[in-house]
Amino acid sequence: MASEYSDQEHEQIIDLTENWYKEFEHDDLFLNLASQNQEHAGFIIRCFTDYMYNYQGATPKEWNVGDMKKVC
């Protein structure tokens, strides 16, 4: 768990997950989503990432099922 909130760490996490999303856009799992789901996927990933860091204090390396259930 992140010891305290940091704008710099938050931006690094957003950059990381945006890169993951860019790779995901070319994956068959993404391409098989309905077009409406594809349109919203980036926003959902960004919100999830923000909630995990801002409310659970968790960086992607620290993500776990318990915290995920709390934010979903």
N, C-alpha and C. Protein backbone atom coordinates (compact mmCIF):
# COMPACT_ATOMS: atom_id res chain seq x y z
N MET A 1 0.84 -1.17 0.00
CA MET A 1 0.00 0.00 0.00
C MET A 1 0.90 1.24 0.00
N ALA A 2 0.54 2.20 -0.82
CA ALA A 2 1.29 3.45 -0.88
C ALA A 2 1.24 4.12 0.49
N SER A 3 2.38 4.61 0.96
CA SER A 3 2.42 5.19 2.30
C SER A 3 1.62 6.48 2.38
N GLU A 4 1.65 7.30 1.35
CA GLU A 4 0.81 8.48 1.29
C GLU A 4 0.63 8.89 -0.15
N TYR A 5 -0.42 9.65 -0.40
CA TYR A 5 -0.74 10.06 -1.76
C TYR A 5 0.37 10.93 -2.34
N SER A 6 0.65 10.70 -3.61
CA SER A 6 1.65 11.50 -4.32
C SER A 6 1.13 11.76 -5.74
N ASP A 7 1.07 13.04 -6.13
CA ASP A 7 0.65 13.36 -7.50
C ASP A 7 1.57 12.70 -8.52
N GLN A 8 2.86 12.70 -8.23
CA GLN A 8 3.83 12.10 -9.16
C GLN A 8 3.59 10.60 -9.30
N GLU A 9 3.40 9.91 -8.19
CA GLU A 9 3.14 8.47 -8.25
C GLU A 9 1.82 8.20 -8.97
N HIS A 10 0.81 9.02 -8.71
CA HIS A 10 -0.48 8.85 -9.36
C HIS A 10 -0.33 8.97 -10.87
N GLU A 11 0.39 9.97 -11.34
CA GLU A 11 0.61 10.13 -12.79
C GLU A 11 1.37 8.96 -13.38
N GLN A 12 2.34 8.43 -12.66
CA GLN A 12 3.09 7.26 -13.13
C GLN A 12 2.17 6.06 -13.26
N ILE A 13 1.28 5.89 -12.31
CA ILE A 13 0.33 4.78 -12.34
C ILE A 13 -0.63 4.94 -13.51
N ILE A 14 -1.12 6.15 -13.72
CA ILE A 14 -2.02 6.40 -14.86
C ILE A 14 -1.30 6.12 -16.17
N ASP A 15 -0.07 6.58 -16.30
CA ASP A 15 0.71 6.31 -17.52
C ASP A 15 0.87 4.81 -17.74
N LEU A 16 1.17 4.08 -16.67
CA LEU A 16 1.35 2.63 -16.77
C LEU A 16 0.08 1.95 -17.26
N THR A 17 -1.04 2.27 -16.63
CA THR A 17 -2.28 1.59 -17.01
C THR A 17 -2.77 2.04 -18.38
N GLU A 18 -2.47 3.28 -18.79
CA GLU A 18 -2.81 3.72 -20.14
C GLU A 18 -2.00 2.94 -21.17
N ASN A 19 -0.75 2.64 -20.86
CA ASN A 19 0.06 1.80 -21.75
C ASN A 19 -0.50 0.39 -21.83
N TRP A 20 -0.93 -0.15 -20.68
CA TRP A 20 -1.57 -1.46 -20.70
C TRP A 20 -2.80 -1.44 -21.59
N TYR A 21 -3.60 -0.37 -21.46
CA TYR A 21 -4.82 -0.25 -22.26
C TYR A 21 -4.50 -0.19 -23.76
N LYS A 22 -3.47 0.57 -24.14
CA LYS A 22 -3.09 0.66 -25.55
C LYS A 22 -2.74 -0.72 -26.11
N GLU A 23 -2.08 -1.53 -25.32
CA GLU A 23 -1.76 -2.91 -25.74
C GLU A 23 -3.04 -3.74 -25.81
N PHE A 24 -3.92 -3.57 -24.84
CA PHE A 24 -5.17 -4.32 -24.77
C PHE A 24 -6.04 -4.06 -25.99
N GLU A 25 -6.00 -2.82 -26.52
CA GLU A 25 -6.83 -2.47 -27.68
C GLU A 25 -6.55 -3.34 -28.90
N HIS A 26 -5.40 -3.97 -28.94
CA HIS A 26 -5.03 -4.81 -30.08
C HIS A 26 -5.19 -6.30 -29.80
N ASP A 27 -5.66 -6.62 -28.62
CA ASP A 27 -5.84 -8.02 -28.21
C ASP A 27 -7.21 -8.53 -28.64
N ASP A 28 -7.29 -9.82 -28.91
CA ASP A 28 -8.56 -10.42 -29.31
C ASP A 28 -9.64 -10.25 -28.24
N LEU A 29 -9.26 -10.25 -26.96
CA LEU A 29 -10.25 -10.06 -25.91
C LEU A 29 -10.94 -8.71 -26.04
N PHE A 30 -10.19 -7.68 -26.38
CA PHE A 30 -10.77 -6.36 -26.59
C PHE A 30 -11.58 -6.33 -27.87
N LEU A 31 -11.03 -6.87 -28.93
CA LEU A 31 -11.69 -6.83 -30.23
C LEU A 31 -13.01 -7.60 -30.23
N ASN A 32 -13.14 -8.56 -29.33
CA ASN A 32 -14.38 -9.33 -29.24
C ASN A 32 -15.44 -8.67 -28.35
N LEU A 33 -15.09 -7.57 -27.72
CA LEU A 33 -16.08 -6.83 -26.93
C LEU A 33 -17.05 -6.12 -27.86
N ALA A 34 -18.27 -5.92 -27.40
CA ALA A 34 -19.23 -5.11 -28.16
C ALA A 34 -18.64 -3.71 -28.32
N SER A 35 -18.97 -3.05 -29.42
CA SER A 35 -18.39 -1.73 -29.69
C SER A 35 -18.67 -0.74 -28.57
N GLN A 36 -19.84 -0.81 -27.96
CA GLN A 36 -20.16 0.08 -26.85
C GLN A 36 -19.21 -0.16 -25.67
N ASN A 37 -18.90 -1.42 -25.40
CA ASN A 37 -17.98 -1.73 -24.32
C ASN A 37 -16.56 -1.27 -24.66
N GLN A 38 -16.18 -1.39 -25.92
CA GLN A 38 -14.87 -0.91 -26.34
C GLN A 38 -14.76 0.60 -26.11
N GLU A 39 -15.83 1.32 -26.43
CA GLU A 39 -15.84 2.78 -26.28
C GLU A 39 -15.65 3.21 -24.83
N HIS A 40 -16.15 2.43 -23.90
CA HIS A 40 -16.11 2.80 -22.48
C HIS A 40 -14.93 2.19 -21.72
N ALA A 41 -14.23 1.26 -22.33
CA ALA A 41 -13.18 0.52 -21.61
C ALA A 41 -12.09 1.42 -21.04
N GLY A 42 -11.61 2.38 -21.81
CA GLY A 42 -10.56 3.26 -21.33
C GLY A 42 -10.99 4.06 -20.11
N PHE A 43 -12.21 4.59 -20.15
CA PHE A 43 -12.75 5.35 -19.02
C PHE A 43 -12.87 4.46 -17.78
N ILE A 44 -13.34 3.26 -17.97
CA ILE A 44 -13.52 2.34 -16.84
C ILE A 44 -12.17 1.99 -16.21
N ILE A 45 -11.18 1.73 -17.05
CA ILE A 45 -9.85 1.40 -16.54
C ILE A 45 -9.27 2.60 -15.78
N ARG A 46 -9.45 3.80 -16.31
CA ARG A 46 -8.94 5.01 -15.65
C ARG A 46 -9.63 5.19 -14.29
N CYS A 47 -10.95 5.04 -14.24
CA CYS A 47 -11.67 5.19 -12.98
C CYS A 47 -11.24 4.13 -11.97
N PHE A 48 -11.13 2.90 -12.43
CA PHE A 48 -10.70 1.82 -11.54
C PHE A 48 -9.32 2.13 -10.96
N THR A 49 -8.40 2.54 -11.82
CA THR A 49 -7.05 2.87 -11.38
C THR A 49 -7.07 4.00 -10.35
N ASP A 50 -7.84 5.05 -10.63
CA ASP A 50 -7.96 6.16 -9.69
C ASP A 50 -8.51 5.70 -8.34
N TYR A 51 -9.57 4.91 -8.37
CA TYR A 51 -10.17 4.45 -7.12
C TYR A 51 -9.21 3.55 -6.33
N MET A 52 -8.51 2.68 -7.02
CA MET A 52 -7.58 1.79 -6.32
C MET A 52 -6.48 2.59 -5.63
N TYR A 53 -6.01 3.64 -6.29
CA TYR A 53 -4.94 4.43 -5.67
C TYR A 53 -5.49 5.43 -4.66
N ASN A 54 -6.52 6.18 -5.05
CA ASN A 54 -7.02 7.25 -4.19
C ASN A 54 -7.77 6.76 -2.96
N TYR A 55 -8.49 5.65 -3.07
CA TYR A 55 -9.31 5.17 -1.95
C TYR A 55 -8.72 3.98 -1.21
N GLN A 56 -7.97 3.14 -1.93
CA GLN A 56 -7.38 1.99 -1.28
C GLN A 56 -5.88 2.16 -1.05
N GLY A 57 -5.30 3.19 -1.66
CA GLY A 57 -3.86 3.43 -1.50
C GLY A 57 -3.02 2.37 -2.17
N ALA A 58 -3.58 1.71 -3.18
CA ALA A 58 -2.90 0.57 -3.79
C ALA A 58 -2.37 0.92 -5.18
N THR A 59 -1.10 0.64 -5.38
CA THR A 59 -0.49 0.73 -6.70
C THR A 59 -0.79 -0.57 -7.44
N PRO A 60 -0.64 -0.61 -8.77
CA PRO A 60 -0.96 -1.84 -9.50
C PRO A 60 -0.26 -3.10 -8.95
N LYS A 61 0.98 -2.96 -8.48
CA LYS A 61 1.68 -4.11 -7.90
C LYS A 61 0.99 -4.62 -6.64
N GLU A 62 0.23 -3.76 -5.99
CA GLU A 62 -0.42 -4.10 -4.73
C GLU A 62 -1.89 -4.44 -4.88
N TRP A 63 -2.42 -4.37 -6.08
CA TRP A 63 -3.84 -4.68 -6.29
C TRP A 63 -4.14 -6.08 -5.82
N ASN A 64 -5.27 -6.24 -5.14
CA ASN A 64 -5.68 -7.55 -4.65
C ASN A 64 -7.20 -7.63 -4.71
N VAL A 65 -7.72 -8.82 -4.62
CA VAL A 65 -9.14 -9.07 -4.77
C VAL A 65 -9.95 -8.30 -3.72
N GLY A 66 -9.50 -8.27 -2.48
CA GLY A 66 -10.23 -7.58 -1.42
C GLY A 66 -10.42 -6.11 -1.74
N ASP A 67 -9.35 -5.43 -2.14
CA ASP A 67 -9.45 -4.02 -2.50
C ASP A 67 -10.30 -3.82 -3.74
N MET A 68 -10.17 -4.73 -4.70
CA MET A 68 -10.95 -4.62 -5.92
C MET A 68 -12.45 -4.71 -5.62
N LYS A 69 -12.83 -5.59 -4.72
CA LYS A 69 -14.24 -5.71 -4.35
C LYS A 69 -14.75 -4.44 -3.69
N LYS A 70 -13.89 -3.76 -2.95
CA LYS A 70 -14.29 -2.53 -2.26
C LYS A 70 -14.56 -1.40 -3.25
N VAL A 71 -13.85 -1.36 -4.36
CA VAL A 71 -14.02 -0.26 -5.30
C VAL A 71 -15.01 -0.56 -6.42
N CYS A 72 -15.41 -1.81 -6.56
CA CYS A 72 -16.30 -2.17 -7.67
C CYS A 72 -17.74 -2.24 -7.26
